[in-house]
């Protein structure tokens, strides 16, 4: 059984998504407290916590500008709970 030539390994994609999430968490650490990106059929699901609704939108925008499809955004806004 051989892999398709242009299909990335799921484990490679998961590692890449974790690197993207880590970069977003670092860049927007005052807005986004936690961020995980889950690969699902049809796109990505965002999970985590943000300080404001704007932080939730920023996380989503960062993925959209990379051309990644978002199926759901389950980032909870936890107003007033900064690290």
Protein backbone atom coordinates (compact mmCIF):
# COMPACT_ATOMS: atom_id res chain seq x y z
CA UNK A 1 0.00 0.00 0.00
CA UNK A 2 1.50 3.35 -1.04
CA UNK A 3 0.63 6.85 0.08
CA UNK A 4 -0.81 9.34 -2.36
CA UNK A 5 1.97 11.60 -3.66
CA UNK A 6 0.55 14.96 -2.56
CA UNK A 7 -1.36 13.89 0.56
CA UNK A 8 0.31 14.98 3.79
CA UNK A 9 0.55 12.50 6.64
CA UNK A 10 -2.06 13.20 9.30
CA UNK A 11 0.67 13.25 11.96
CA UNK A 12 2.62 15.84 9.94
CA UNK A 13 -0.50 17.98 9.62
CA UNK A 14 -1.21 17.71 13.36
CA UNK A 15 2.35 18.81 14.14
CA UNK A 16 2.05 21.74 11.74
CA UNK A 17 -1.26 22.80 13.31
CA UNK A 18 0.29 22.69 16.80
CA UNK A 19 3.13 24.91 15.56
CA UNK A 20 0.61 27.35 14.09
CA UNK A 21 -1.38 27.37 17.36
CA UNK A 22 1.81 27.95 19.39
CA UNK A 23 2.75 30.87 17.16
CA UNK A 24 -0.69 32.45 17.51
CA UNK A 25 -0.65 31.95 21.31
CA UNK A 26 2.77 33.61 21.51
CA UNK A 27 1.94 36.52 19.22
CA UNK A 28 -1.40 37.29 20.91
CA UNK A 29 -0.64 36.11 24.47
CA UNK A 30 -2.57 39.03 26.02
CA UNK A 31 -5.72 38.07 24.06
CA UNK A 32 -5.62 34.28 23.68
CA UNK A 33 -5.05 32.21 26.81
CA UNK A 34 -5.33 28.75 25.27
CA UNK A 35 -5.62 27.59 21.67
CA UNK A 36 -5.81 24.16 20.14
CA UNK A 37 -6.53 23.44 16.48
CA UNK A 38 -8.20 20.12 15.80
CA UNK A 39 -8.19 18.56 12.33
CA UNK A 40 -11.60 17.17 11.37
CA UNK A 41 -13.23 16.12 8.13
CA UNK A 42 -13.87 19.27 6.15
CA UNK A 43 -11.53 21.60 8.04
CA UNK A 44 -10.40 22.74 11.47
CA UNK A 45 -12.08 23.20 14.85
CA UNK A 46 -10.70 25.89 17.16
CA UNK A 47 -10.77 25.29 20.93
CA UNK A 48 -9.44 27.29 23.83
CA UNK A 49 -9.99 30.48 25.81
CA UNK A 50 -9.69 34.16 24.93
CA UNK A 51 -9.87 37.27 27.10
CA UNK A 52 -12.20 39.09 24.69
CA UNK A 53 -14.43 38.34 21.74
CA UNK A 54 -11.84 40.19 19.65
CA UNK A 55 -9.23 37.60 20.73
CA UNK A 56 -11.54 34.84 19.54
CA UNK A 57 -11.87 36.59 16.18
CA UNK A 58 -8.10 37.14 15.89
CA UNK A 59 -7.44 33.41 16.31
CA UNK A 60 -9.97 32.63 13.59
CA UNK A 61 -8.59 35.28 11.25
CA UNK A 62 -5.04 33.96 11.64
CA UNK A 63 -6.16 30.57 10.29
CA UNK A 64 -8.34 32.03 7.55
CA UNK A 65 -5.49 34.16 6.22
CA UNK A 66 -3.41 30.98 5.91
CA UNK A 67 -6.14 29.49 3.73
CA UNK A 68 -7.30 26.94 6.30
CA UNK A 69 -10.99 26.05 6.41
CA UNK A 70 -12.66 26.45 9.80
CA UNK A 71 -15.63 24.24 10.58
CA UNK A 72 -16.26 25.55 14.11
CA UNK A 73 -14.86 28.07 16.57
CA UNK A 74 -15.30 26.77 20.14
CA UNK A 75 -13.04 29.33 21.80
CA UNK A 76 -14.66 30.46 25.05
CA UNK A 77 -14.45 34.13 26.00
CA UNK A 78 -13.45 34.39 29.67
CA UNK A 79 -13.80 38.10 30.37
CA UNK A 80 -11.45 39.46 33.00
CA UNK A 81 -9.38 36.30 33.52
CA UNK A 82 -5.90 37.15 32.27
CA UNK A 83 -2.77 35.19 33.09
